[in-house]
Amino acid sequence: MPQIPLLHYFKCKNIYSANIEGLFYRLTPGKRKVTGPDGAEQEESILTLDYWPGPWTLERTDPALRRREEFLLDEEGRTQAAARLEEIYTAETDRWRSCPSILDCEPWSPTPAAEETEG
């Protein structure tokens, strides 16, 4: 199973990133709005898992290759995120082992038209 920091690490608003061979991932604590049982909008603490094929950072990887999942920011959610990473890796071990080296490819960058619409 992937090594992930203790829950306290995330509750202190720290981001964690690592990789398992070519499977790169980042865990980010945050909040999301949900509708409570009384119909009122509330915030809940979450742990966001972003994962993508290496060798580049999330921002330099084609958005079509990036994935995101959310878990509650509690011990069960932290454990589920670790189990999910293990599942993702074992489902496509050959894919993650065959990711190119940083020396063999160029990072993704947005097309000029995409940069204009974002700015």
N, C-alpha and C. Protein backbone atom coordinates (compact mmCIF):
# COMPACT_ATOMS: atom_id res chain seq x y z
N MET A 1 0.85 -1.18 0.00
CA MET A 1 0.00 0.00 0.00
C MET A 1 0.89 1.25 0.00
N PRO A 2 0.49 2.31 -0.72
CA PRO A 2 1.30 3.53 -0.74
C PRO A 2 1.45 4.13 0.65
N GLN A 3 2.59 4.74 0.88
CA GLN A 3 2.82 5.43 2.15
C GLN A 3 2.19 6.81 2.08
N ILE A 4 1.30 7.10 3.00
CA ILE A 4 0.61 8.38 3.06
C ILE A 4 0.76 8.90 4.48
N PRO A 5 1.00 10.21 4.64
CA PRO A 5 1.16 10.76 5.99
C PRO A 5 -0.06 10.52 6.88
N LEU A 6 0.15 10.68 8.17
CA LEU A 6 -0.93 10.57 9.14
C LEU A 6 -1.98 11.65 8.91
N LEU A 7 -3.17 11.42 9.39
CA LEU A 7 -4.28 12.36 9.23
C LEU A 7 -3.92 13.75 9.74
N HIS A 8 -3.20 13.83 10.83
CA HIS A 8 -2.81 15.13 11.41
C HIS A 8 -2.06 16.00 10.39
N TYR A 9 -1.25 15.39 9.56
CA TYR A 9 -0.49 16.10 8.53
C TYR A 9 -1.45 16.87 7.62
N PHE A 10 -2.53 16.24 7.20
CA PHE A 10 -3.50 16.87 6.31
C PHE A 10 -4.38 17.88 7.05
N LYS A 11 -4.70 17.58 8.30
CA LYS A 11 -5.51 18.51 9.09
C LYS A 11 -4.76 19.82 9.34
N CYS A 12 -3.43 19.80 9.24
CA CYS A 12 -2.62 21.01 9.35
C CYS A 12 -2.47 21.70 7.99
N LYS A 13 -3.30 21.32 7.02
CA LYS A 13 -3.39 21.92 5.69
C LYS A 13 -2.15 21.69 4.82
N ASN A 14 -1.46 20.60 5.05
CA ASN A 14 -0.29 20.26 4.24
C ASN A 14 -0.71 19.45 3.02
N ILE A 15 -0.02 19.68 1.90
CA ILE A 15 -0.21 18.93 0.66
C ILE A 15 0.89 17.87 0.60
N TYR A 16 0.55 16.70 0.09
CA TYR A 16 1.53 15.62 -0.02
C TYR A 16 1.55 15.13 -1.46
N SER A 17 2.74 15.00 -2.03
CA SER A 17 2.85 14.43 -3.37
C SER A 17 3.97 13.41 -3.40
N ALA A 18 3.78 12.40 -4.25
CA ALA A 18 4.76 11.33 -4.36
C ALA A 18 4.47 10.57 -5.66
N ASN A 19 5.18 9.49 -5.85
CA ASN A 19 4.91 8.63 -7.00
C ASN A 19 5.23 7.18 -6.66
N ILE A 20 4.55 6.30 -7.37
CA ILE A 20 4.84 4.87 -7.34
C ILE A 20 5.21 4.55 -8.78
N GLU A 21 6.51 4.44 -9.03
CA GLU A 21 7.02 4.31 -10.38
C GLU A 21 6.46 5.46 -11.21
N GLY A 22 5.69 5.19 -12.27
CA GLY A 22 5.16 6.27 -13.12
C GLY A 22 3.81 6.81 -12.71
N LEU A 23 3.24 6.31 -11.63
CA LEU A 23 1.97 6.83 -11.12
C LEU A 23 2.28 7.98 -10.15
N PHE A 24 2.06 9.19 -10.62
CA PHE A 24 2.29 10.37 -9.79
C PHE A 24 0.98 10.74 -9.12
N TYR A 25 1.05 11.22 -7.88
CA TYR A 25 -0.17 11.60 -7.18
C TYR A 25 0.07 12.73 -6.19
N ARG A 26 -1.03 13.43 -5.89
CA ARG A 26 -1.00 14.53 -4.93
C ARG A 26 -2.26 14.46 -4.09
N LEU A 27 -2.11 14.60 -2.78
CA LEU A 27 -3.23 14.63 -1.84
C LEU A 27 -3.30 16.03 -1.24
N THR A 28 -4.46 16.66 -1.37
CA THR A 28 -4.65 18.04 -0.94
C THR A 28 -5.86 18.14 -0.02
N PRO A 29 -5.70 18.66 1.19
CA PRO A 29 -6.86 18.87 2.05
C PRO A 29 -7.63 20.10 1.59
N GLY A 30 -8.92 20.10 1.82
CA GLY A 30 -9.73 21.24 1.42
C GLY A 30 -11.14 21.14 1.97
N LYS A 31 -12.02 21.92 1.39
CA LYS A 31 -13.43 21.95 1.81
C LYS A 31 -14.31 21.87 0.57
N ARG A 32 -15.52 21.36 0.77
CA ARG A 32 -16.53 21.40 -0.29
C ARG A 32 -17.87 21.71 0.36
N LYS A 33 -18.74 22.30 -0.43
CA LYS A 33 -20.08 22.64 0.06
C LYS A 33 -21.02 21.47 -0.22
N VAL A 34 -21.81 21.12 0.79
CA VAL A 34 -22.80 20.05 0.67
C VAL A 34 -24.11 20.53 1.27
N THR A 35 -25.18 19.89 0.88
CA THR A 35 -26.48 20.19 1.46
C THR A 35 -26.69 19.28 2.66
N GLY A 36 -26.92 19.89 3.81
CA GLY A 36 -27.12 19.13 5.04
C GLY A 36 -28.49 18.50 5.11
N PRO A 37 -28.75 17.70 6.13
CA PRO A 37 -30.04 17.02 6.28
C PRO A 37 -31.21 18.00 6.41
N ASP A 38 -30.92 19.20 6.90
CA ASP A 38 -31.98 20.20 7.06
C ASP A 38 -32.15 21.05 5.80
N GLY A 39 -31.39 20.75 4.74
CA GLY A 39 -31.49 21.48 3.48
C GLY A 39 -30.57 22.69 3.41
N ALA A 40 -29.89 23.00 4.50
CA ALA A 40 -28.97 24.14 4.52
C ALA A 40 -27.62 23.73 3.93
N GLU A 41 -26.97 24.69 3.30
CA GLU A 41 -25.65 24.43 2.74
C GLU A 41 -24.61 24.44 3.85
N GLN A 42 -23.73 23.42 3.83
CA GLN A 42 -22.68 23.30 4.84
C GLN A 42 -21.36 23.01 4.16
N GLU A 43 -20.28 23.16 4.90
CA GLU A 43 -18.96 22.79 4.39
C GLU A 43 -18.52 21.51 5.08
N GLU A 44 -17.83 20.66 4.31
CA GLU A 44 -17.22 19.48 4.92
C GLU A 44 -15.77 19.41 4.46
N SER A 45 -14.94 18.88 5.31
CA SER A 45 -13.51 18.76 5.01
C SER A 45 -13.28 17.53 4.15
N ILE A 46 -12.48 17.72 3.10
CA ILE A 46 -12.19 16.62 2.18
C ILE A 46 -10.69 16.49 1.92
N LEU A 47 -10.33 15.35 1.37
CA LEU A 47 -8.98 15.07 0.93
C LEU A 47 -9.09 14.76 -0.56
N THR A 48 -8.49 15.61 -1.40
CA THR A 48 -8.57 15.43 -2.84
C THR A 48 -7.35 14.67 -3.33
N LEU A 49 -7.59 13.62 -4.08
CA LEU A 49 -6.54 12.81 -4.69
C LEU A 49 -6.48 13.14 -6.18
N ASP A 50 -5.37 13.69 -6.63
CA ASP A 50 -5.11 13.89 -8.05
C ASP A 50 -4.05 12.88 -8.44
N TYR A 51 -4.22 12.22 -9.58
CA TYR A 51 -3.20 11.28 -10.05
C TYR A 51 -3.08 11.37 -11.56
N TRP A 52 -1.88 11.06 -12.06
CA TRP A 52 -1.57 11.21 -13.47
C TRP A 52 -0.32 10.40 -13.81
N PRO A 53 -0.09 10.13 -15.11
CA PRO A 53 1.14 9.43 -15.49
C PRO A 53 2.32 10.39 -15.50
N GLY A 54 3.46 9.94 -15.02
CA GLY A 54 4.67 10.76 -15.00
C GLY A 54 5.22 10.94 -16.39
N PRO A 55 6.26 11.69 -16.56
CA PRO A 55 7.19 12.11 -15.52
C PRO A 55 7.01 13.55 -15.05
N TRP A 56 6.06 14.28 -15.59
CA TRP A 56 5.95 15.71 -15.30
C TRP A 56 5.00 16.00 -14.14
N THR A 57 5.04 17.22 -13.63
CA THR A 57 4.13 17.65 -12.58
C THR A 57 2.70 17.67 -13.10
N LEU A 58 1.76 17.79 -12.21
CA LEU A 58 0.34 17.83 -12.59
C LEU A 58 0.08 18.94 -13.60
N GLU A 59 0.63 20.12 -13.36
CA GLU A 59 0.38 21.27 -14.22
C GLU A 59 1.00 21.12 -15.61
N ARG A 60 2.01 20.26 -15.74
CA ARG A 60 2.68 20.05 -17.02
C ARG A 60 2.29 18.72 -17.68
N THR A 61 1.15 18.17 -17.24
CA THR A 61 0.63 16.94 -17.82
C THR A 61 -0.69 17.28 -18.51
N ASP A 62 -0.91 16.73 -19.67
CA ASP A 62 -2.12 16.97 -20.44
C ASP A 62 -3.35 16.73 -19.55
N PRO A 63 -4.27 17.71 -19.48
CA PRO A 63 -5.46 17.55 -18.63
C PRO A 63 -6.27 16.29 -18.94
N ALA A 64 -6.21 15.79 -20.17
CA ALA A 64 -6.95 14.58 -20.52
C ALA A 64 -6.41 13.35 -19.79
N LEU A 65 -5.19 13.42 -19.28
CA LEU A 65 -4.57 12.29 -18.58
C LEU A 65 -4.69 12.39 -17.06
N ARG A 66 -5.17 13.51 -16.57
CA ARG A 66 -5.28 13.72 -15.12
C ARG A 66 -6.61 13.19 -14.60
N ARG A 67 -6.58 12.68 -13.37
CA ARG A 67 -7.81 12.20 -12.72
C ARG A 67 -7.88 12.78 -11.32
N ARG A 68 -9.11 12.93 -10.80
CA ARG A 68 -9.32 13.49 -9.47
C ARG A 68 -10.44 12.73 -8.77
N GLU A 69 -10.21 12.43 -7.48
CA GLU A 69 -11.23 11.80 -6.64
C GLU A 69 -11.20 12.49 -5.29
N GLU A 70 -12.33 12.48 -4.60
CA GLU A 70 -12.43 13.12 -3.29
C GLU A 70 -12.84 12.12 -2.22
N PHE A 71 -12.28 12.32 -1.02
CA PHE A 71 -12.58 11.49 0.14
C PHE A 71 -12.80 12.42 1.32
N LEU A 72 -13.53 11.95 2.31
CA LEU A 72 -13.70 12.75 3.52
C LEU A 72 -12.35 12.88 4.22
N LEU A 73 -12.14 14.01 4.86
CA LEU A 73 -10.89 14.24 5.58
C LEU A 73 -11.04 13.70 7.00
N ASP A 74 -10.97 12.37 7.09
CA ASP A 74 -10.97 11.68 8.37
C ASP A 74 -10.12 10.42 8.18
N GLU A 75 -9.95 9.66 9.21
CA GLU A 75 -9.06 8.48 9.11
C GLU A 75 -9.57 7.49 8.07
N GLU A 76 -10.88 7.31 8.01
CA GLU A 76 -11.44 6.39 7.01
C GLU A 76 -11.18 6.90 5.60
N GLY A 77 -11.35 8.20 5.36
CA GLY A 77 -11.08 8.78 4.05
C GLY A 77 -9.62 8.67 3.66
N ARG A 78 -8.72 8.88 4.60
CA ARG A 78 -7.29 8.75 4.35
C ARG A 78 -6.95 7.31 3.96
N THR A 79 -7.53 6.36 4.68
CA THR A 79 -7.32 4.94 4.38
C THR A 79 -7.90 4.58 3.02
N GLN A 80 -9.07 5.12 2.69
CA GLN A 80 -9.70 4.86 1.39
C GLN A 80 -8.84 5.43 0.26
N ALA A 81 -8.26 6.61 0.45
CA ALA A 81 -7.40 7.21 -0.57
C ALA A 81 -6.18 6.33 -0.82
N ALA A 82 -5.57 5.82 0.24
CA ALA A 82 -4.41 4.93 0.11
C ALA A 82 -4.80 3.64 -0.61
N ALA A 83 -5.94 3.08 -0.25
CA ALA A 83 -6.41 1.85 -0.90
C ALA A 83 -6.72 2.11 -2.38
N ARG A 84 -7.28 3.27 -2.66
CA ARG A 84 -7.60 3.61 -4.05
C ARG A 84 -6.32 3.74 -4.88
N LEU A 85 -5.30 4.35 -4.32
CA LEU A 85 -4.01 4.45 -5.02
C LEU A 85 -3.45 3.06 -5.33
N GLU A 86 -3.53 2.18 -4.35
CA GLU A 86 -3.06 0.81 -4.55
C GLU A 86 -3.85 0.13 -5.67
N GLU A 87 -5.15 0.34 -5.67
CA GLU A 87 -6.02 -0.24 -6.70
C GLU A 87 -5.68 0.31 -8.09
N ILE A 88 -5.47 1.62 -8.18
CA ILE A 88 -5.13 2.27 -9.45
C ILE A 88 -3.81 1.71 -9.97
N TYR A 89 -2.83 1.59 -9.09
CA TYR A 89 -1.52 1.08 -9.50
C TYR A 89 -1.60 -0.38 -9.95
N THR A 90 -2.22 -1.23 -9.17
CA THR A 90 -2.24 -2.66 -9.50
C THR A 90 -3.11 -2.96 -10.73
N ALA A 91 -4.09 -2.11 -11.01
CA ALA A 91 -4.94 -2.33 -12.18
C ALA A 91 -4.18 -2.12 -13.49
N GLU A 92 -3.14 -1.26 -13.47
CA GLU A 92 -2.39 -0.97 -14.69
C GLU A 92 -0.89 -0.89 -14.41
N THR A 93 -0.38 -1.89 -13.73
CA THR A 93 1.04 -1.89 -13.35
C THR A 93 1.95 -1.66 -14.55
N ASP A 94 1.70 -2.33 -15.66
CA ASP A 94 2.56 -2.17 -16.84
C ASP A 94 2.54 -0.73 -17.35
N ARG A 95 1.38 -0.10 -17.30
CA ARG A 95 1.29 1.31 -17.74
C ARG A 95 2.19 2.20 -16.90
N TRP A 96 2.12 2.04 -15.60
CA TRP A 96 2.89 2.92 -14.71
C TRP A 96 4.39 2.62 -14.80
N ARG A 97 4.73 1.38 -15.05
CA ARG A 97 6.15 1.02 -15.18
C ARG A 97 6.75 1.48 -16.50
N SER A 98 5.91 1.72 -17.50
CA SER A 98 6.42 2.09 -18.82
C SER A 98 6.31 3.58 -19.12
N CYS A 99 6.02 4.40 -18.14
CA CYS A 99 5.98 5.84 -18.36
C CYS A 99 7.36 6.31 -18.82
N PRO A 100 7.40 7.29 -19.72
CA PRO A 100 8.70 7.73 -20.23
C PRO A 100 9.52 8.46 -19.17
N SER A 101 10.80 8.52 -19.43
CA SER A 101 11.70 9.28 -18.57
C SER A 101 11.52 10.77 -18.87
N ILE A 102 11.86 11.59 -17.91
CA ILE A 102 11.81 13.03 -18.11
C ILE A 102 12.78 13.46 -19.21
N LEU A 103 13.76 12.63 -19.49
CA LEU A 103 14.75 12.91 -20.53
C LEU A 103 14.24 12.55 -21.93
N ASP A 104 13.14 11.78 -22.00
CA ASP A 104 12.66 11.28 -23.28
C ASP A 104 11.39 11.94 -23.81
N CYS A 105 10.90 12.97 -23.13
CA CYS A 105 9.66 13.60 -23.59
C CYS A 105 9.62 15.06 -23.15
N GLU A 106 8.69 15.77 -23.73
CA GLU A 106 8.51 17.19 -23.41
C GLU A 106 7.27 17.35 -22.53
N PRO A 107 7.28 18.35 -21.65
CA PRO A 107 6.08 18.59 -20.84
C PRO A 107 4.95 19.13 -21.70
N TRP A 108 3.73 18.89 -21.27
CA TRP A 108 2.56 19.44 -21.95
C TRP A 108 2.50 20.93 -21.68
N SER A 109 2.04 21.69 -22.65
CA SER A 109 1.77 23.12 -22.42
C SER A 109 0.51 23.46 -23.21
N PRO A 110 -0.28 24.39 -22.68
CA PRO A 110 -1.53 24.72 -23.36
C PRO A 110 -1.26 25.36 -24.71
N THR A 111 -2.21 25.19 -25.64
CA THR A 111 -2.08 25.84 -26.93
C THR A 111 -2.26 27.34 -26.74
N PRO A 112 -1.74 28.16 -27.63
CA PRO A 112 -1.91 29.62 -27.47
C PRO A 112 -3.37 30.04 -27.34
N ALA A 113 -4.28 29.40 -28.05
CA ALA A 113 -5.70 29.75 -27.95
C ALA A 113 -6.24 29.44 -26.55
N ALA A 114 -5.82 28.33 -25.95
CA ALA A 114 -6.26 27.97 -24.60
C ALA A 114 -5.73 28.95 -23.58
N GLU A 115 -4.50 29.43 -23.75
CA GLU A 115 -3.94 30.41 -22.82
C GLU A 115 -4.70 31.70 -22.84
N GLU A 116 -5.17 32.14 -24.04
CA GLU A 116 -5.92 33.38 -24.15
C GLU A 116 -7.26 33.30 -23.45
N THR A 117 -7.96 32.15 -23.54
CA THR A 117 -9.27 32.02 -22.92
C THR A 117 -9.15 31.88 -21.40
N GLU A 118 -8.01 31.34 -20.90
CA GLU A 118 -7.82 31.19 -19.46
C GLU A 118 -7.50 32.53 -18.82
N GLY A 119 -6.80 33.39 -19.50
CA GLY A 119 -6.33 34.66 -18.95
C GLY A 119 -7.36 35.68 -18.93
